[in-house]
Amino acid sequence: MYDETAVHYKHDFYDMLEQGNPTHIEMFGVECIRQDPKFGVKYKGHHKNLTLVVGESGMRIKGSLHTFLERSNHTDFTYSQVKESIMMIDDFTNGIYTKSEICTLGIGVNLDSVDFDNFDRYRKAEFFPMIMKGKKYGLMAKQTNKHLKGYDKSYHVKREKQIITDCPKSRLELVLTTKQGVQTRGLKTPESLLSIDVFEQCGNLLYDHFKIVTMKTNIDYSRLSTKEKRALCTIKNRDPEFMNAVKNEKWFQKDRALANKLVIRDNQEVKGNLLNKIRVKVKELQEN
């Protein structure tokens, strides 16, 4: 369920980095190359899918927990796999990883099929297209300290990693993008992510944020009566002269109230199906 994660380990590397002004250093057996010094002395290296950036005041480790354990992240990532991945990275970093501060954290689930075009708003933020190779493959909304995404995971891994999946997969994801956004939820270190209670808490967090999403109206008109179809015309008609002429008519107010009920019912039905899929998947990942 966890995915892209960035952590920061506070440590004074100043003496090691400045001694002899080296062009590269070795960290956990990984060669880290000196970067452009205009933003301070920094060295960057890679191990599997992890990026290590070493500076004078500490080290940043960034990468997907899921991809570190497997080749990609289009499959399910269970609680037991989360623990295995974190402990493998911790062994690689000689115990540094689990003691580092979490700066960003992705929480998500892969589902069989989701119609992202139904997404309208996340609080006050509109969803905008996610584009790769000139094709729209999902939607994203941005808020302070977090992003909410829904996208075609099969297309993403096919284009990024040349992996063709057996069946289409969609991904719903919440990304906590700042240290403040992560730590206000009590998620201070990767060590905390080893807890089954925290795993459940993060699943609930994902559920709660998609519960906030408002959905576009996608009513099946073939299921409606003539009266209900007529009522919907009162919210479809945007002509200001017409609206001004009928807004105080009792029949209009009655039809408008019925139309609003139909829209709410449709939104609840679509969103309810989506939220149920999230709840079922999180429970499944938690138990494995």
C-alpha atoms as a PDB file:
ATOM      1  CA  MET A   1       0.000   0.000   0.000  1.00  0.00           C
ATOM      2  CA  TYR A   2       2.919   2.375   0.663  1.00  0.00           C
ATOM      3  CA  ASP A   3       4.823   3.499  -2.389  1.00  0.00           C
ATOM      4  CA  GLU A   4       7.150   6.433  -3.193  1.00  0.00           C
ATOM      5  CA  THR A   5       8.848   7.507   0.037  1.00  0.00           C
ATOM      6  CA  ALA A   6      11.552  10.063   0.828  1.00  0.00           C
ATOM      7  CA  VAL A   7      13.374  10.158   4.166  1.00  0.00           C
ATOM      8  CA  HIS A   8      16.081  12.375   5.653  1.00  0.00           C
ATOM      9  CA  TYR A   9      18.812  11.196   8.004  1.00  0.00           C
ATOM     10  CA  LYS A  10      20.313  14.047  10.027  1.00  0.00           C
ATOM     11  CA  HIS A  11      24.076  13.762  10.317  1.00  0.00           C
ATOM     12  CA  ASP A  12      27.099  16.067   9.963  1.00  0.00           C
ATOM     13  CA  PHE A  13      28.960  14.864   6.874  1.00  0.00           C
ATOM     14  CA  TYR A  14      30.914  18.131   6.508  1.00  0.00           C
ATOM     15  CA  ASP A  15      34.362  16.761   7.406  1.00  0.00           C
ATOM     16  CA  MET A  16      33.998  13.717   5.178  1.00  0.00           C
ATOM     17  CA  LEU A  17      32.807  15.728   2.179  1.00  0.00           C
ATOM     18  CA  GLU A  18      35.323  18.564   2.416  1.00  0.00           C
ATOM     19  CA  GLN A  19      38.377  16.413   3.112  1.00  0.00           C
ATOM     20  CA  GLY A  20      40.408  16.516  -0.077  1.00  0.00           C
ATOM     21  CA  ASN A  21      37.395  17.853  -2.032  1.00  0.00           C
ATOM     22  CA  PRO A  22      36.640  14.396  -3.528  1.00  0.00           C
ATOM     23  CA  THR A  23      34.807  14.006  -6.842  1.00  0.00           C
ATOM     24  CA  HIS A  24      33.005  10.969  -5.443  1.00  0.00           C
ATOM     25  CA  ILE A  25      32.414   9.182  -2.142  1.00  0.00           C
ATOM     26  CA  GLU A  26      31.224   5.706  -1.226  1.00  0.00           C
ATOM     27  CA  MET A  27      28.096   5.222   0.870  1.00  0.00           C
ATOM     28  CA  PHE A  28      26.894   1.677   1.722  1.00  0.00           C
ATOM     29  CA  GLY A  29      29.009   0.384  -1.164  1.00  0.00           C
ATOM     30  CA  VAL A  30      27.379   2.827  -3.618  1.00  0.00           C
ATOM     31  CA  GLU A  31      29.465   5.347  -5.527  1.00  0.00           C
ATOM     32  CA  CYS A  32      27.994   8.848  -5.056  1.00  0.00           C
ATOM     33  CA  ILE A  33      29.130  11.485  -7.569  1.00  0.00           C
ATOM     34  CA  ARG A  34      29.716  15.137  -6.631  1.00  0.00           C
ATOM     35  CA  GLN A  35      26.948  17.419  -7.990  1.00  0.00           C
ATOM     36  CA  ASP A  36      26.926  21.076  -9.062  1.00  0.00           C
ATOM     37  CA  PRO A  37      28.129  22.964  -5.939  1.00  0.00           C
ATOM     38  CA  LYS A  38      25.998  26.096  -6.448  1.00  0.00           C
ATOM     39  CA  PHE A  39      23.383  24.691  -4.027  1.00  0.00           C
ATOM     40  CA  GLY A  40      25.959  23.372  -1.540  1.00  0.00           C
ATOM     41  CA  VAL A  41      28.161  20.303  -1.504  1.00  0.00           C
ATOM     42  CA  LYS A  42      26.080  17.268  -2.510  1.00  0.00           C
ATOM     43  CA  TYR A  43      26.774  13.762  -3.762  1.00  0.00           C
ATOM     44  CA  LYS A  44      24.277  11.539  -5.544  1.00  0.00           C
ATOM     45  CA  GLY A  45      24.211   7.793  -6.087  1.00  0.00           C
ATOM     46  CA  HIS A  46      21.753   5.004  -6.931  1.00  0.00           C
ATOM     47  CA  HIS A  47      21.017   1.525  -5.624  1.00  0.00           C
ATOM     48  CA  LYS A  48      18.249  -0.409  -7.389  1.00  0.00           C
ATOM     49  CA  ASN A  49      15.408   2.148  -7.548  1.00  0.00           C
ATOM     50  CA  LEU A  50      16.684   4.194  -4.593  1.00  0.00           C
ATOM     51  CA  THR A  51      18.329   7.599  -4.987  1.00  0.00           C
ATOM     52  CA  LEU A  52      20.828   8.631  -2.302  1.00  0.00           C
ATOM     53  CA  VAL A  53      21.728  12.316  -1.909  1.00  0.00           C
ATOM     54  CA  VAL A  54      24.432  13.082   0.668  1.00  0.00           C
ATOM     55  CA  GLY A  55      24.959  16.675   1.837  1.00  0.00           C
ATOM     56  CA  GLU A  56      26.767  18.411   4.667  1.00  0.00           C
ATOM     57  CA  SER A  57      23.813  18.182   7.048  1.00  0.00           C
ATOM     58  CA  GLY A  58      22.495  14.740   6.235  1.00  0.00           C
ATOM     59  CA  MET A  59      21.378  12.180   3.680  1.00  0.00           C
ATOM     60  CA  ARG A  60      18.141  11.847   1.723  1.00  0.00           C
ATOM     61  CA  ILE A  61      16.948   8.446   0.508  1.00  0.00           C
ATOM     62  CA  LYS A  62      14.116   8.397  -2.013  1.00  0.00           C
ATOM     63  CA  GLY A  63      12.346   5.582  -3.826  1.00  0.00           C
ATOM     64  CA  SER A  64       9.350   3.283  -3.965  1.00  0.00           C
ATOM     65  CA  LEU A  65       9.189   0.677  -1.197  1.00  0.00           C
ATOM     66  CA  HIS A  66       7.135  -1.506  -3.527  1.00  0.00           C
ATOM     67  CA  THR A  67       9.523  -1.262  -6.482  1.00  0.00           C
ATOM     68  CA  PHE A  68      12.524  -1.911  -4.234  1.00  0.00           C
ATOM     69  CA  LEU A  69      11.084  -5.317  -3.366  1.00  0.00           C
ATOM     70  CA  GLU A  70       9.749  -6.103  -6.819  1.00  0.00           C
ATOM     71  CA  ARG A  71      10.445  -4.858 -10.323  1.00  0.00           C
ATOM     72  CA  SER A  72       7.398  -2.602 -10.422  1.00  0.00           C
ATOM     73  CA  ASN A  73       4.462  -1.418  -8.305  1.00  0.00           C
ATOM     74  CA  HIS A  74       1.491  -2.492 -10.429  1.00  0.00           C
ATOM     75  CA  THR A  75       0.760  -5.528  -8.244  1.00  0.00           C
ATOM     76  CA  ASP A  76      -0.650  -5.625  -4.714  1.00  0.00           C
ATOM     77  CA  PHE A  77       1.753  -4.571  -1.944  1.00  0.00           C
ATOM     78  CA  THR A  78       0.723  -6.327   1.253  1.00  0.00           C
ATOM     79  CA  TYR A  79       1.540  -5.539   4.870  1.00  0.00           C
ATOM     80  CA  SER A  80       4.013  -8.437   5.096  1.00  0.00           C
ATOM     81  CA  GLN A  81       5.779  -7.180   1.939  1.00  0.00           C
ATOM     82  CA  VAL A  82       5.937  -3.659   3.402  1.00  0.00           C
ATOM     83  CA  LYS A  83       7.815  -4.994   6.433  1.00  0.00           C
ATOM     84  CA  GLU A  84      10.136  -7.047   4.249  1.00  0.00           C
ATOM     85  CA  SER A  85      10.973  -4.084   2.004  1.00  0.00           C
ATOM     86  CA  ILE A  86      11.627  -1.666   4.886  1.00  0.00           C
ATOM     87  CA  MET A  87      13.898  -4.137   6.676  1.00  0.00           C
ATOM     88  CA  MET A  88      15.824  -4.852   3.452  1.00  0.00           C
ATOM     89  CA  ILE A  89      16.473  -1.121   2.954  1.00  0.00           C
ATOM     90  CA  ASP A  90      17.387  -0.804   6.633  1.00  0.00           C
ATOM     91  CA  ASP A  91      19.935  -3.635   6.273  1.00  0.00           C
ATOM     92  CA  PHE A  92      21.358  -1.966   3.173  1.00  0.00           C
ATOM     93  CA  THR A  93      21.769   1.359   5.040  1.00  0.00           C
ATOM     94  CA  ASN A  94      23.203  -0.232   8.206  1.00  0.00           C
ATOM     95  CA  GLY A  95      20.175   0.666  10.312  1.00  0.00           C
ATOM     96  CA  ILE A  96      19.932   4.299   9.198  1.00  0.00           C
ATOM     97  CA  TYR A  97      16.711   4.010   7.195  1.00  0.00           C
ATOM     98  CA  THR A  98      14.252   3.171   9.976  1.00  0.00           C
ATOM     99  CA  LYS A  99      15.686   5.960  12.168  1.00  0.00           C
ATOM    100  CA  SER A 100      15.342   8.656   9.475  1.00  0.00           C
ATOM    101  CA  GLU A 101      12.548  11.238   9.269  1.00  0.00           C
ATOM    102  CA  ILE A 102       9.851  10.676   6.639  1.00  0.00           C
ATOM    103  CA  CYS A 103       9.574  13.698   4.312  1.00  0.00           C
ATOM    104  CA  THR A 104       7.085  12.389   1.718  1.00  0.00           C
ATOM    105  CA  LEU A 105       4.897   9.286   1.619  1.00  0.00           C
ATOM    106  CA  GLY A 106       2.682   7.745  -1.052  1.00  0.00           C
ATOM    107  CA  ILE A 107      -0.299   5.615   0.011  1.00  0.00           C
ATOM    108  CA  GLY A 108      -2.289   3.803  -2.664  1.00  0.00           C
ATOM    109  CA  VAL A 109      -4.131   0.734  -3.896  1.00  0.00           C
ATOM    110  CA  ASN A 110      -4.394  -0.939  -7.290  1.00  0.00           C
ATOM    111  CA  LEU A 111      -7.937  -1.779  -8.395  1.00  0.00           C
ATOM    112  CA  ASP A 112      -9.375  -3.619 -11.401  1.00  0.00           C
ATOM    113  CA  SER A 113     -11.217  -0.685 -12.971  1.00  0.00           C
ATOM    114  CA  VAL A 114     -12.013   2.930 -12.052  1.00  0.00           C
ATOM    115  CA  ASP A 115     -13.638   5.614 -14.230  1.00  0.00           C
ATOM    116  CA  PHE A 116     -11.497   8.645 -13.357  1.00  0.00           C
ATOM    117  CA  ASP A 117     -13.508  10.923 -15.626  1.00  0.00           C
ATOM    118  CA  ASN A 118     -16.188  10.938 -12.915  1.00  0.00           C
ATOM    119  CA  PHE A 119     -13.840  12.836 -10.572  1.00  0.00           C
ATOM    120  CA  ASP A 120     -14.796  16.498 -10.267  1.00  0.00           C
ATOM    121  CA  ARG A 121     -13.186  18.192  -7.242  1.00  0.00           C
ATOM    122  CA  TYR A 122     -11.053  17.397  -4.215  1.00  0.00           C
ATOM    123  CA  ARG A 123     -12.209  19.962  -1.696  1.00  0.00           C
ATOM    124  CA  LYS A 124     -11.788  23.195  -3.713  1.00  0.00           C
ATOM    125  CA  ALA A 125      -9.152  21.811  -6.069  1.00  0.00           C
ATOM    126  CA  GLU A 126     -10.130  20.724  -9.574  1.00  0.00           C
ATOM    127  CA  PHE A 127      -8.654  17.552 -11.026  1.00  0.00           C
ATOM    128  CA  PHE A 128      -6.327  18.094 -13.984  1.00  0.00           C
ATOM    129  CA  PRO A 129      -5.028  15.555 -16.534  1.00  0.00           C
ATOM    130  CA  MET A 130      -1.925  13.441 -15.962  1.00  0.00           C
ATOM    131  CA  ILE A 131      -0.089  13.175 -19.298  1.00  0.00           C
ATOM    132  CA  MET A 132       2.566  10.691 -20.413  1.00  0.00           C
ATOM    133  CA  LYS A 133       3.864  10.266 -23.970  1.00  0.00           C
ATOM    134  CA  GLY A 134       1.179  12.676 -25.147  1.00  0.00           C
ATOM    135  CA  LYS A 135      -1.681  10.610 -23.703  1.00  0.00           C
ATOM    136  CA  LYS A 136      -3.968  11.393 -20.785  1.00  0.00           C
ATOM    137  CA  TYR A 137      -3.823   8.426 -18.427  1.00  0.00           C
ATOM    138  CA  GLY A 138      -5.309   9.807 -15.210  1.00  0.00           C
ATOM    139  CA  LEU A 139      -6.284  12.778 -13.061  1.00  0.00           C
ATOM    140  CA  MET A 140      -4.609  14.621 -10.178  1.00  0.00           C
ATOM    141  CA  ALA A 141      -5.710  17.276  -7.697  1.00  0.00           C
ATOM    142  CA  LYS A 142      -3.298  19.258  -5.528  1.00  0.00           C
ATOM    143  CA  GLN A 143      -3.834  20.613  -2.025  1.00  0.00           C
ATOM    144  CA  THR A 144      -1.374  22.010   0.516  1.00  0.00           C
ATOM    145  CA  ASN A 145       0.830  19.148   1.755  1.00  0.00           C
ATOM    146  CA  LYS A 146      -0.883  16.502  -0.390  1.00  0.00           C
ATOM    147  CA  HIS A 147      -1.841  15.298  -3.865  1.00  0.00           C
ATOM    148  CA  LEU A 148      -4.694  12.956  -4.806  1.00  0.00           C
ATOM    149  CA  LYS A 149      -4.357  10.815  -7.934  1.00  0.00           C
ATOM    150  CA  GLY A 150      -6.348   8.346  -9.975  1.00  0.00           C
ATOM    151  CA  TYR A 151      -4.642   6.853 -13.012  1.00  0.00           C
ATOM    152  CA  ASP A 152      -4.225   3.923 -15.384  1.00  0.00           C
ATOM    153  CA  LYS A 153      -1.446   1.929 -13.735  1.00  0.00           C
ATOM    154  CA  SER A 154      -1.197  -0.547 -16.613  1.00  0.00           C
ATOM    155  CA  TYR A 155      -0.402   2.251 -19.071  1.00  0.00           C
ATOM    156  CA  HIS A 156       2.026   3.855 -16.612  1.00  0.00           C
ATOM    157  CA  VAL A 157       4.184   0.730 -16.132  1.00  0.00           C
ATOM    158  CA  LYS A 158       3.985  -0.140 -19.826  1.00  0.00           C
ATOM    159  CA  ARG A 159       5.419   3.255 -20.804  1.00  0.00           C
ATOM    160  CA  GLU A 160       7.822   3.702 -17.898  1.00  0.00           C
ATOM    161  CA  LYS A 161       9.125   0.153 -17.403  1.00  0.00           C
ATOM    162  CA  GLN A 162       7.975  -1.664 -20.552  1.00  0.00           C
ATOM    163  CA  ILE A 163       5.880  -4.083 -18.467  1.00  0.00           C
ATOM    164  CA  ILE A 164       2.654  -5.395 -20.003  1.00  0.00           C
ATOM    165  CA  THR A 165       0.151  -6.475 -17.346  1.00  0.00           C
ATOM    166  CA  ASP A 166      -2.215  -9.435 -17.645  1.00  0.00           C
ATOM    167  CA  CYS A 167      -5.296  -7.320 -16.912  1.00  0.00           C
ATOM    168  CA  PRO A 168      -5.965  -3.549 -16.729  1.00  0.00           C
ATOM    169  CA  LYS A 169      -5.165  -1.959 -13.378  1.00  0.00           C
ATOM    170  CA  SER A 170      -6.163   1.426 -11.993  1.00  0.00           C
ATOM    171  CA  ARG A 171      -4.421   3.129  -9.078  1.00  0.00           C
ATOM    172  CA  LEU A 172      -5.858   5.450  -6.450  1.00  0.00           C
ATOM    173  CA  GLU A 173      -3.174   7.278  -4.507  1.00  0.00           C
ATOM    174  CA  LEU A 174      -2.735   9.879  -1.786  1.00  0.00           C
ATOM    175  CA  VAL A 175       0.713  11.520  -1.648  1.00  0.00           C
ATOM    176  CA  LEU A 176       1.711  13.400   1.503  1.00  0.00           C
ATOM    177  CA  THR A 177       4.213  15.795  -0.055  1.00  0.00           C
ATOM    178  CA  THR A 178       5.852  17.533   2.937  1.00  0.00           C
ATOM    179  CA  LYS A 179       7.402  16.558   6.259  1.00  0.00           C
ATOM    180  CA  GLN A 180       4.726  18.599   8.016  1.00  0.00           C
ATOM    181  CA  GLY A 181       1.961  16.779   6.146  1.00  0.00           C
ATOM    182  CA  VAL A 182       3.436  13.399   7.087  1.00  0.00           C
ATOM    183  CA  GLN A 183       4.390  14.053  10.687  1.00  0.00           C
ATOM    184  CA  THR A 184       1.134  15.728  11.744  1.00  0.00           C
ATOM    185  CA  ARG A 185      -0.340  12.256  11.232  1.00  0.00           C
ATOM    186  CA  GLY A 186       2.203  10.664  13.560  1.00  0.00           C
ATOM    187  CA  LEU A 187       4.234   9.077  10.750  1.00  0.00           C
ATOM    188  CA  LYS A 188       7.688  10.178  11.885  1.00  0.00           C
ATOM    189  CA  THR A 189      10.042   7.383  10.759  1.00  0.00           C
ATOM    190  CA  PRO A 190       9.884   4.303   8.503  1.00  0.00           C
ATOM    191  CA  GLU A 191      10.019   2.288  11.714  1.00  0.00           C
ATOM    192  CA  SER A 192       6.459   3.491  12.438  1.00  0.00           C
ATOM    193  CA  LEU A 193       5.315   2.025   9.100  1.00  0.00           C
ATOM    194  CA  LEU A 194       6.111  -1.465  10.423  1.00  0.00           C
ATOM    195  CA  SER A 195       3.069  -1.277  12.719  1.00  0.00           C
ATOM    196  CA  ILE A 196      -0.126  -3.044  11.595  1.00  0.00           C
ATOM    197  CA  ASP A 197      -2.119  -0.294  13.337  1.00  0.00           C
ATOM    198  CA  VAL A 198      -0.354   2.389  11.289  1.00  0.00           C
ATOM    199  CA  PHE A 199      -0.984   0.359   8.113  1.00  0.00           C
ATOM    200  CA  GLU A 200      -4.701   0.344   8.941  1.00  0.00           C
ATOM    201  CA  GLN A 201      -4.562   4.065   9.819  1.00  0.00           C
ATOM    202  CA  CYS A 202      -3.041   4.897   6.418  1.00  0.00           C
ATOM    203  CA  GLY A 203      -5.684   2.787   4.668  1.00  0.00           C
ATOM    204  CA  ASN A 204      -8.372   4.776   6.477  1.00  0.00           C
ATOM    205  CA  LEU A 205      -6.595   7.999   5.486  1.00  0.00           C
ATOM    206  CA  LEU A 206      -6.726   7.002   1.813  1.00  0.00           C
ATOM    207  CA  TYR A 207     -10.433   6.142   2.181  1.00  0.00           C
ATOM    208  CA  ASP A 208     -11.241   9.424   3.957  1.00  0.00           C
ATOM    209  CA  HIS A 209      -9.585  11.589   1.291  1.00  0.00           C
ATOM    210  CA  PHE A 210     -11.376   9.889  -1.600  1.00  0.00           C
ATOM    211  CA  LYS A 211     -14.594  10.231   0.392  1.00  0.00           C
ATOM    212  CA  ILE A 212     -14.145  14.022   0.102  1.00  0.00           C
ATOM    213  CA  VAL A 213     -14.003  13.860  -3.727  1.00  0.00           C
ATOM    214  CA  THR A 214     -17.111  15.177  -5.469  1.00  0.00           C
ATOM    215  CA  MET A 215     -18.202  13.239  -8.528  1.00  0.00           C
ATOM    216  CA  LYS A 216     -19.585  14.471 -11.828  1.00  0.00           C
ATOM    217  CA  THR A 217     -23.170  13.601 -12.623  1.00  0.00           C
ATOM    218  CA  ASN A 218     -23.352  10.489 -14.775  1.00  0.00           C
ATOM    219  CA  ILE A 219     -27.022   9.555 -14.557  1.00  0.00           C
ATOM    220  CA  ASP A 220     -28.444   6.642 -16.545  1.00  0.00           C
ATOM    221  CA  TYR A 221     -31.452   8.389 -18.107  1.00  0.00           C
ATOM    222  CA  SER A 222     -32.951   5.096 -19.310  1.00  0.00           C
ATOM    223  CA  ARG A 223     -33.755   4.255 -15.689  1.00  0.00           C
ATOM    224  CA  LEU A 224     -35.674   7.503 -15.057  1.00  0.00           C
ATOM    225  CA  SER A 225     -39.359   8.290 -15.291  1.00  0.00           C
ATOM    226  CA  THR A 226     -40.671  11.114 -17.471  1.00  0.00           C
ATOM    227  CA  LYS A 227     -41.195  13.194 -14.342  1.00  0.00           C
ATOM    228  CA  GLU A 228     -37.566  12.715 -13.262  1.00  0.00           C
ATOM    229  CA  LYS A 229     -36.222  13.555 -16.732  1.00  0.00           C
ATOM    230  CA  ARG A 230     -38.299  16.740 -16.776  1.00  0.00           C
ATOM    231  CA  ALA A 231     -37.005  17.660 -13.319  1.00  0.00           C
ATOM    232  CA  LEU A 232     -33.384  17.319 -14.470  1.00  0.00           C
ATOM    233  CA  CYS A 233     -34.059  19.896 -17.186  1.00  0.00           C
ATOM    234  CA  THR A 234     -34.343  22.515 -14.453  1.00  0.00           C
ATOM    235  CA  ILE A 235     -30.652  22.178 -13.603  1.00  0.00           C
ATOM    236  CA  LYS A 236     -29.476  21.558 -17.173  1.00  0.00           C
ATOM    237  CA  ASN A 237     -31.015  24.786 -18.514  1.00  0.00           C
ATOM    238  CA  ARG A 238     -28.510  27.623 -17.997  1.00  0.00           C
ATOM    239  CA  ASP A 239     -30.434  30.357 -19.860  1.00  0.00           C
ATOM    240  CA  PRO A 240     -30.448  33.331 -17.416  1.00  0.00           C
ATOM    241  CA  GLU A 241     -33.700  34.786 -18.803  1.00  0.00           C
ATOM    242  CA  PHE A 242     -35.518  31.485 -18.326  1.00  0.00           C
ATOM    243  CA  MET A 243     -34.115  31.017 -14.832  1.00  0.00           C
ATOM    244  CA  ASN A 244     -35.133  34.514 -13.811  1.00  0.00           C
ATOM    245  CA  ALA A 245     -38.668  33.999 -15.142  1.00  0.00           C
ATOM    246  CA  VAL A 246     -39.369  30.675 -13.373  1.00  0.00           C
ATOM    247  CA  LYS A 247     -37.238  30.752 -10.215  1.00  0.00           C
ATOM    248  CA  ASN A 248     -40.214  31.691  -8.007  1.00  0.00           C
ATOM    249  CA  GLU A 249     -42.687  29.276  -9.605  1.00  0.00           C
ATOM    250  CA  LYS A 250     -43.766  26.446  -7.295  1.00  0.00           C
ATOM    251  CA  TRP A 251     -43.524  23.791 -10.026  1.00  0.00           C
ATOM    252  CA  PHE A 252     -39.942  24.868 -10.764  1.00  0.00           C
ATOM    253  CA  GLN A 253     -38.889  24.773  -7.116  1.00  0.00           C
ATOM    254  CA  LYS A 254     -40.469  21.328  -6.736  1.00  0.00           C
ATOM    255  CA  ASP A 255     -38.776  19.972  -9.870  1.00  0.00           C
ATOM    256  CA  ARG A 256     -35.461  21.548  -8.877  1.00  0.00           C
ATOM    257  CA  ALA A 257     -35.587  19.825  -5.475  1.00  0.00           C
ATOM    258  CA  LEU A 258     -36.265  16.458  -7.160  1.00  0.00           C
ATOM    259  CA  ALA A 259     -33.404  17.018  -9.618  1.00  0.00           C
ATOM    260  CA  ASN A 260     -30.963  17.740  -6.788  1.00  0.00           C
ATOM    261  CA  LYS A 261     -32.037  14.509  -5.063  1.00  0.00           C
ATOM    262  CA  LEU A 262     -31.366  12.558  -8.267  1.00  0.00           C
ATOM    263  CA  VAL A 263     -27.881  14.068  -8.585  1.00  0.00           C
ATOM    264  CA  ILE A 264     -27.061  13.324  -4.945  1.00  0.00           C
ATOM    265  CA  ARG A 265     -28.331   9.760  -5.332  1.00  0.00           C
ATOM    266  CA  ASP A 266     -26.176   9.217  -8.416  1.00  0.00           C
ATOM    267  CA  ASN A 267     -23.079  10.667  -6.715  1.00  0.00           C
ATOM    268  CA  GLN A 268     -23.624   8.513  -3.634  1.00  0.00           C
ATOM    269  CA  GLU A 269     -24.019   5.405  -5.759  1.00  0.00           C
ATOM    270  CA  VAL A 270     -20.870   5.998  -7.821  1.00  0.00           C
ATOM    271  CA  LYS A 271     -18.771   7.117  -4.865  1.00  0.00           C
ATOM    272  CA  GLY A 272     -20.125   4.340  -2.655  1.00  0.00           C
ATOM    273  CA  ASN A 273     -18.947   1.703  -5.142  1.00  0.00           C
ATOM    274  CA  LEU A 274     -15.505   3.325  -5.293  1.00  0.00           C
ATOM    275  CA  LEU A 275     -15.113   3.624  -1.522  1.00  0.00           C
ATOM    276  CA  ASN A 276     -16.212   0.025  -1.050  1.00  0.00           C
ATOM    277  CA  LYS A 277     -13.484  -1.127  -3.455  1.00  0.00           C
ATOM    278  CA  ILE A 278     -10.894   0.829  -1.457  1.00  0.00           C
ATOM    279  CA  ARG A 279     -12.103  -0.587   1.864  1.00  0.00           C
ATOM    280  CA  VAL A 280     -12.086  -4.188   0.600  1.00  0.00           C
ATOM    281  CA  LYS A 281      -8.620  -3.858  -0.971  1.00  0.00           C
ATOM    282  CA  VAL A 282      -7.032  -2.263   2.134  1.00  0.00           C
ATOM    283  CA  LYS A 283      -8.419  -5.052   4.331  1.00  0.00           C
ATOM    284  CA  GLU A 284      -7.098  -7.646   1.888  1.00  0.00           C
ATOM    285  CA  LEU A 285      -3.601  -6.099   1.919  1.00  0.00           C
ATOM    286  CA  GLN A 286      -3.658  -5.824   5.704  1.00  0.00           C
ATOM    287  CA  GLU A 287      -4.404  -9.518   6.152  1.00  0.00           C
ATOM    288  CA  ASN A 288      -1.600 -10.717   3.860  1.00  0.00           C
END
